[in-house]
Amino acid sequence: MTKLRCGASSPRSSEQPPPAAPARVKYAEAPPLHPHSLQTIRPLIRADSLKLRRLALLGARHGPDWWLRYSPPWFGYAFAALLPEQRRRLRANFEQLGVGGRLASWQTFAQYAACLAEGMALAAGREVDVKAEVQGAEHLSAALKLGRGVVVVTAHVGPWDAAAPLLARDHGVKVSVVMRRELNGAARELHDGLRAKAGVTVLHVGGHPLDALRLRQGLGPGRALAFQLDRFGARTGVLRALPSGPFRLAALCGAPLVPVFASRRGVFDYQLRVSEPLLLPKRPTAAEFAGAEASVLSLLNDWIQSHPTQWFDFSAAEP
């Protein structure tokens, strides 16, 4: 250690250059997270992770009320911090939608975590006070009275997983949801079992060429078959095309097609909007088919524009 003598003068003080500026202190930076660590963590927080769903179910079913109310957003923020690619995708969507602010992507993760926890709590049979304002419920009732079943078109927006059992309960209808077959079979069985307890059947497609033939089982008197239309083809922000399958099935079976979208306003506080049914002839013309698709596309984009941080579009384009 260098010792300094205070008060001592140097014989060459007039020739000595001015003292150098004190050295800047450099604080040690935290080492970057090793790539192997990320490979270990990310599978645990994937949407189809069995461990994640078991953890969410444990808190939703047995956690105290304050835990269910306040903890999900913080888990969402933690997932957002570990998933930068998904945050970038959300920001790209927001730019196309004209939504400003860098916090919007973080808010989307928080909303997703809250919707997941509340949906699991309802499916697990937890006794909670649910506020559900349904706008246009008479449209669904009128469509069901036709006796052919209803093709419900919706999206991954807001509490969509909680909306199906609410509609099943309030309208006395058997609801089936069409979903792609998940890669994690154990996670799929866990979540499908919860949905079944809530009165919702899941029909999986994508594993066999003849899967679509089973979809007609979900239609008929007192039945509703739900499709999510927002994960289709190349997309960023505003959706420009929808899958044709639900429209063709509705026309073939003579079932009315009813758009239903949901949003979350607070803890177990939901808003559902049911739009007027669309009836397609059994053999629609190209103009009739395009008109029905354009009508649903407009409703869906308007709903996403009104609730951008509740559109859970984390993945890349699908075929």
Protein backbone atom coordinates (compact mmCIF):
# COMPACT_ATOMS: atom_id res chain seq x y z
CA MET A 1 0.00 0.00 0.00
CA THR A 2 1.35 3.43 -0.92
CA LYS A 3 1.74 5.86 2.01
CA LEU A 4 1.09 9.55 1.45
CA ARG A 5 2.88 12.23 3.51
CA CYS A 6 0.63 15.18 4.17
CA GLY A 7 2.11 18.72 4.18
CA ALA A 8 5.36 17.78 2.45
CA SER A 9 6.42 20.02 -0.43
CA SER A 10 8.41 18.97 -3.44
CA PRO A 11 11.43 21.07 -4.57
CA ARG A 12 10.12 20.80 -8.15
CA SER A 13 6.52 21.70 -7.34
CA SER A 14 6.47 24.50 -9.91
CA GLU A 15 7.42 22.08 -12.67
CA GLN A 16 5.17 19.21 -11.58
CA PRO A 17 2.09 18.60 -13.83
CA PRO A 18 -1.36 18.89 -12.27
CA PRO A 19 -2.48 15.83 -10.36
CA ALA A 20 -4.26 13.20 -12.37
CA ALA A 21 -7.99 12.79 -11.94
CA PRO A 22 -8.91 10.08 -9.49
CA ALA A 23 -9.46 6.73 -11.08
CA ARG A 24 -13.09 5.77 -11.67
CA VAL A 25 -14.21 2.84 -9.62
CA LYS A 26 -15.46 -0.05 -11.73
CA TYR A 27 -17.96 -2.25 -9.99
CA ALA A 28 -17.89 -5.89 -10.82
CA GLU A 29 -20.62 -6.86 -13.24
CA ALA A 30 -22.77 -9.88 -12.62
CA PRO A 31 -21.70 -12.76 -14.86
CA PRO A 32 -24.12 -13.47 -17.70
CA LEU A 33 -26.45 -16.40 -17.27
CA HIS A 34 -24.83 -19.44 -18.80
CA PRO A 35 -26.65 -20.76 -21.89
CA HIS A 36 -26.95 -24.14 -20.20
CA SER A 37 -28.81 -22.47 -17.32
CA LEU A 38 -31.32 -20.95 -19.75
CA GLN A 39 -31.81 -24.35 -21.34
CA THR A 40 -32.59 -25.72 -17.89
CA ILE A 41 -34.99 -22.94 -16.88
CA ARG A 42 -36.97 -22.36 -20.06
CA PRO A 43 -38.54 -25.84 -20.28
CA LEU A 44 -39.93 -25.27 -16.78
CA ILE A 45 -41.76 -22.09 -17.80
CA ARG A 46 -43.10 -23.15 -21.17
CA ALA A 47 -46.86 -22.89 -21.51
CA ASP A 48 -47.10 -26.67 -21.90
CA SER A 49 -44.90 -27.47 -18.91
CA LEU A 50 -46.43 -30.00 -16.54
CA LYS A 51 -44.52 -28.56 -13.57
CA LEU A 52 -45.77 -25.05 -14.32
CA ARG A 53 -49.38 -26.19 -14.47
CA ARG A 54 -49.08 -28.23 -11.30
CA LEU A 55 -47.60 -25.20 -9.54
CA ALA A 56 -50.38 -22.94 -10.84
CA LEU A 57 -53.02 -25.49 -9.83
CA LEU A 58 -51.57 -25.83 -6.34
CA GLY A 59 -51.77 -22.09 -5.74
CA ALA A 60 -55.17 -21.74 -7.41
CA ARG A 61 -56.74 -24.57 -5.45
CA HIS A 62 -55.13 -24.30 -2.01
CA GLY A 63 -53.52 -20.88 -1.82
CA PRO A 64 -55.06 -18.18 0.41
CA ASP A 65 -57.25 -15.54 -1.18
CA TRP A 66 -54.53 -12.90 -1.04
CA TRP A 67 -52.14 -15.23 -2.87
CA LEU A 68 -54.61 -15.86 -5.68
CA ARG A 69 -55.33 -12.14 -5.94
CA TYR A 70 -51.84 -10.64 -5.85
CA SER A 71 -49.23 -13.27 -6.81
CA PRO A 72 -50.09 -14.17 -10.47
CA PRO A 73 -48.93 -10.84 -11.99
CA TRP A 74 -45.52 -11.20 -10.31
CA PHE A 75 -45.13 -14.69 -11.74
CA GLY A 76 -46.02 -13.17 -15.10
CA TYR A 77 -43.28 -10.56 -14.75
CA ALA A 78 -40.77 -13.28 -13.86
CA PHE A 79 -41.70 -15.29 -16.96
CA ALA A 80 -41.44 -12.15 -19.10
CA ALA A 81 -37.91 -11.52 -17.84
CA LEU A 82 -36.86 -15.03 -18.87
CA LEU A 83 -38.58 -15.00 -22.29
CA PRO A 84 -37.13 -12.10 -24.33
CA GLU A 85 -38.14 -13.63 -27.67
CA GLN A 86 -41.80 -13.63 -26.64
CA ARG A 87 -41.50 -10.03 -25.42
CA ARG A 88 -40.09 -9.00 -28.80
CA ARG A 89 -43.00 -10.70 -30.56
CA LEU A 90 -45.50 -8.88 -28.37
CA ARG A 91 -43.78 -5.55 -29.05
CA ALA A 92 -44.01 -6.21 -32.79
CA ASN A 93 -47.74 -6.79 -32.39
CA PHE A 94 -48.13 -3.60 -30.38
CA GLU A 95 -46.30 -1.55 -33.01
CA GLN A 96 -48.74 -2.75 -35.65
CA LEU A 97 -51.67 -2.04 -33.35
CA GLY A 98 -50.42 1.45 -32.51
CA VAL A 99 -49.94 0.66 -28.83
CA GLY A 100 -47.12 2.63 -27.21
CA GLY A 101 -45.07 1.97 -24.10
CA ARG A 102 -42.43 -0.66 -23.40
CA LEU A 103 -44.38 -1.98 -20.42
CA ALA A 104 -47.23 -3.33 -22.56
CA SER A 105 -45.49 -6.67 -23.15
CA TRP A 106 -44.88 -7.09 -19.41
CA GLN A 107 -48.52 -6.28 -18.70
CA THR A 108 -49.54 -8.98 -21.19
CA PHE A 109 -47.57 -11.61 -19.26
CA ALA A 110 -49.16 -10.41 -16.01
CA GLN A 111 -52.66 -10.65 -17.51
CA TYR A 112 -51.92 -14.11 -18.88
CA ALA A 113 -50.75 -15.37 -15.49
CA ALA A 114 -53.85 -13.94 -13.79
CA CYS A 115 -56.21 -15.49 -16.35
CA LEU A 116 -54.44 -18.85 -16.07
CA ALA A 117 -54.63 -18.89 -12.26
CA GLU A 118 -58.27 -17.80 -12.15
CA GLY A 119 -59.27 -20.26 -14.86
CA MET A 120 -57.64 -23.11 -12.96
CA ALA A 121 -59.28 -22.02 -9.71
CA LEU A 122 -62.71 -22.12 -11.33
CA ALA A 123 -62.03 -25.46 -13.01
CA ALA A 124 -60.77 -26.94 -9.72
CA GLY A 125 -64.06 -26.03 -8.05
CA ARG A 126 -62.80 -23.25 -5.79
CA GLU A 127 -65.66 -21.21 -4.36
CA VAL A 128 -65.22 -17.63 -5.52
CA ASP A 129 -67.50 -14.75 -6.39
CA VAL A 130 -67.40 -14.34 -10.17
CA LYS A 131 -68.70 -11.22 -11.86
CA ALA A 132 -69.52 -11.92 -15.48
CA GLU A 133 -71.26 -9.32 -17.61
CA VAL A 134 -72.52 -10.99 -20.78
CA GLN A 135 -73.48 -8.60 -23.56
CA GLY A 136 -75.68 -10.13 -26.25
CA ALA A 137 -76.58 -13.32 -24.38
CA GLU A 138 -79.85 -13.36 -26.31
CA HIS A 139 -77.92 -14.03 -29.53
CA LEU A 140 -76.57 -17.31 -28.18
CA SER A 141 -79.99 -18.31 -26.85
CA ALA A 142 -81.60 -17.65 -30.23
CA ALA A 143 -78.91 -19.66 -32.03
CA LEU A 144 -79.35 -22.63 -29.68
CA LYS A 145 -83.12 -22.66 -30.23
CA LEU A 146 -82.54 -23.67 -33.85
CA GLY A 147 -81.57 -27.11 -32.55
CA ARG A 148 -78.54 -27.64 -34.79
CA GLY A 149 -75.82 -26.74 -32.35
CA VAL A 150 -73.65 -23.63 -32.46
CA VAL A 151 -70.17 -23.01 -33.87
CA VAL A 152 -68.56 -20.51 -31.48
CA VAL A 153 -65.59 -18.56 -32.84
CA THR A 154 -63.29 -16.85 -30.36
CA ALA A 155 -59.58 -16.17 -29.78
CA HIS A 156 -56.78 -16.36 -27.20
CA VAL A 157 -57.96 -13.10 -25.66
CA GLY A 158 -58.63 -12.49 -21.97
CA PRO A 159 -60.20 -15.23 -19.81
CA TRP A 160 -61.17 -17.40 -22.78
CA ASP A 161 -60.54 -20.56 -20.73
CA ALA A 162 -63.03 -19.40 -18.08
CA ALA A 163 -65.63 -18.18 -20.58
CA ALA A 164 -66.50 -21.66 -21.88
CA PRO A 165 -67.63 -23.13 -18.52
CA LEU A 166 -69.51 -19.90 -17.72
CA LEU A 167 -71.48 -20.18 -20.96
CA ALA A 168 -72.06 -23.88 -20.35
CA ARG A 169 -73.43 -23.15 -16.88
CA ASP A 170 -75.62 -20.18 -17.77
CA HIS A 171 -77.12 -21.62 -20.98
CA GLY A 172 -77.24 -25.31 -20.10
CA VAL A 173 -75.18 -26.16 -23.17
CA LYS A 174 -72.50 -28.82 -23.65
CA VAL A 175 -69.35 -27.01 -24.79
CA SER A 176 -66.47 -28.62 -26.69
CA VAL A 177 -63.29 -26.71 -27.48
CA VAL A 178 -61.18 -27.58 -30.52
CA MET A 179 -57.46 -27.40 -29.77
CA ARG A 180 -54.19 -28.51 -31.32
CA ARG A 181 -52.70 -31.59 -29.68
CA GLU A 182 -50.01 -30.46 -27.23
CA LEU A 183 -46.56 -32.03 -27.30
CA ASN A 184 -46.51 -32.60 -23.54
CA GLY A 185 -49.04 -35.40 -23.10
CA ALA A 186 -49.02 -35.31 -19.29
CA ALA A 187 -49.63 -31.56 -19.21
CA ARG A 188 -52.42 -31.97 -21.76
CA GLU A 189 -54.14 -34.64 -19.68
CA LEU A 190 -53.91 -32.53 -16.53
CA HIS A 191 -55.49 -29.47 -18.10
CA ASP A 192 -58.07 -31.44 -20.09
CA GLY A 193 -59.14 -33.14 -16.87
CA LEU A 194 -59.70 -29.78 -15.20
CA ARG A 195 -61.75 -28.55 -18.15
CA ALA A 196 -63.84 -31.72 -18.08
CA LYS A 197 -64.67 -31.15 -14.40
CA ALA A 198 -65.85 -27.65 -15.37
CA GLY A 199 -68.15 -29.13 -18.03
CA VAL A 200 -65.97 -28.51 -21.09
CA THR A 201 -64.79 -31.26 -23.44
CA VAL A 202 -61.58 -30.83 -25.46
CA LEU A 203 -61.39 -32.23 -28.99
CA HIS A 204 -57.79 -32.43 -30.19
CA VAL A 205 -56.82 -32.04 -33.82
CA GLY A 206 -53.49 -32.18 -35.59
CA GLY A 207 -52.43 -35.70 -34.69
CA HIS A 208 -54.30 -37.61 -37.41
CA PRO A 209 -55.65 -36.69 -40.86
CA LEU A 210 -59.14 -37.87 -39.87
CA ASP A 211 -59.31 -35.79 -36.66
CA ALA A 212 -61.60 -33.26 -38.31
CA LEU A 213 -64.29 -35.89 -38.84
CA ARG A 214 -64.77 -36.11 -35.07
CA LEU A 215 -65.70 -32.45 -34.85
CA ARG A 216 -69.26 -33.07 -35.97
CA GLN A 217 -69.76 -34.93 -32.69
CA GLY A 218 -69.55 -31.58 -30.93
CA LEU A 219 -72.60 -30.23 -32.77
CA GLY A 220 -76.26 -30.99 -32.32
CA PRO A 221 -79.13 -29.86 -30.07
CA GLY A 222 -77.82 -28.17 -26.93
CA ARG A 223 -74.19 -28.34 -28.06
CA ALA A 224 -71.57 -25.72 -28.88
CA LEU A 225 -68.27 -26.28 -30.66
CA ALA A 226 -65.67 -23.55 -30.04
CA PHE A 227 -62.73 -22.61 -32.27
CA GLN A 228 -59.93 -20.08 -31.64
CA LEU A 229 -59.14 -18.26 -34.85
CA ASP A 230 -56.16 -16.04 -34.04
CA ARG A 231 -53.25 -18.48 -34.47
CA PHE A 232 -53.33 -18.95 -38.19
CA GLY A 233 -50.71 -18.23 -40.84
CA ALA A 234 -48.32 -15.28 -40.92
CA ARG A 235 -49.47 -12.53 -38.61
CA THR A 236 -48.18 -9.47 -36.83
CA GLY A 237 -50.58 -7.16 -35.10
CA VAL A 238 -53.73 -6.81 -37.20
CA LEU A 239 -55.06 -10.17 -38.39
CA ARG A 240 -55.69 -10.39 -42.14
CA ALA A 241 -56.97 -13.94 -42.61
CA LEU A 242 -58.83 -16.62 -40.69
CA PRO A 243 -58.90 -20.42 -41.00
CA SER A 244 -61.73 -21.55 -43.24
CA GLY A 245 -62.50 -24.79 -41.37
CA PRO A 246 -64.99 -23.42 -38.81
CA PHE A 247 -66.91 -21.57 -41.52
CA ARG A 248 -67.10 -24.62 -43.78
CA LEU A 249 -68.20 -26.84 -40.88
CA ALA A 250 -70.95 -24.39 -39.90
CA ALA A 251 -72.22 -24.31 -43.48
CA LEU A 252 -72.09 -28.09 -43.86
CA CYS A 253 -74.02 -28.75 -40.63
CA GLY A 254 -76.39 -25.81 -40.95
CA ALA A 255 -75.24 -24.55 -37.56
CA PRO A 256 -75.20 -20.82 -36.79
CA LEU A 257 -71.77 -19.28 -36.28
CA VAL A 258 -71.57 -17.06 -33.18
CA PRO A 259 -68.54 -14.83 -32.32
CA VAL A 260 -67.81 -14.67 -28.57
CA PHE A 261 -64.94 -12.68 -27.06
CA ALA A 262 -63.95 -12.14 -23.42
CA SER A 263 -61.94 -9.62 -21.42
CA ARG A 264 -60.77 -9.42 -17.82
CA ARG A 265 -61.64 -6.26 -15.88
CA GLY A 266 -60.35 -7.35 -12.48
CA VAL A 267 -60.00 -10.34 -10.19
CA PHE A 268 -62.73 -12.79 -11.28
CA ASP A 269 -64.42 -9.88 -13.04
CA TYR A 270 -65.11 -10.65 -16.71
CA GLN A 271 -66.91 -9.18 -19.68
CA LEU A 272 -68.20 -11.40 -22.50
CA ARG A 273 -69.58 -10.09 -25.75
CA VAL A 274 -71.75 -12.34 -27.90
CA SER A 275 -72.37 -11.05 -31.43
CA GLU A 276 -75.27 -11.81 -33.73
CA PRO A 277 -75.27 -15.29 -35.30
CA LEU A 278 -74.16 -15.76 -38.89
CA LEU A 279 -76.07 -18.32 -40.95
CA LEU A 280 -74.35 -19.70 -44.02
CA PRO A 281 -76.17 -21.78 -46.63
CA LYS A 282 -75.04 -25.36 -47.04
CA ARG A 283 -73.28 -24.43 -50.27
CA PRO A 284 -72.23 -20.80 -49.83
CA THR A 285 -71.00 -18.77 -52.76
CA ALA A 286 -67.54 -17.27 -52.66
CA ALA A 287 -69.08 -13.88 -51.87
CA GLU A 288 -71.17 -15.27 -48.99
CA PHE A 289 -68.18 -17.09 -47.57
CA ALA A 290 -65.93 -14.02 -47.87
CA GLY A 291 -68.60 -11.81 -46.28
CA ALA A 292 -68.89 -14.05 -43.21
CA GLU A 293 -65.13 -14.22 -42.81
CA ALA A 294 -64.76 -10.44 -43.17
CA SER A 295 -67.46 -9.85 -40.54
CA VAL A 296 -65.79 -12.11 -37.96
CA LEU A 297 -62.34 -10.74 -38.81
CA SER A 298 -63.52 -7.20 -38.18
CA LEU A 299 -65.06 -8.12 -34.82
CA LEU A 300 -61.92 -9.95 -33.73
CA ASN A 301 -59.53 -7.16 -34.72
CA ASP A 302 -61.73 -4.58 -32.98
CA TRP A 303 -61.69 -6.65 -29.79
CA ILE A 304 -57.91 -7.07 -29.90
CA GLN A 305 -57.48 -3.35 -30.54
CA SER A 306 -59.63 -2.61 -27.49
CA HIS A 307 -57.77 -5.10 -25.25
CA PRO A 308 -54.22 -5.33 -26.68
CA THR A 309 -52.53 -6.48 -23.45
CA GLN A 310 -55.00 -9.36 -23.19
CA TRP A 311 -54.17 -10.89 -26.56
CA PHE A 312 -51.95 -13.85 -25.67
CA ASP A 313 -50.11 -14.27 -28.95
CA PHE A 314 -46.68 -15.40 -27.76
CA SER A 315 -45.83 -17.85 -30.56
CA ALA A 316 -44.59 -17.47 -34.09
CA ALA A 317 -46.83 -17.95 -37.11
CA GLU A 318 -48.39 -21.36 -37.50
CA PRO A 319 -49.38 -23.10 -40.73
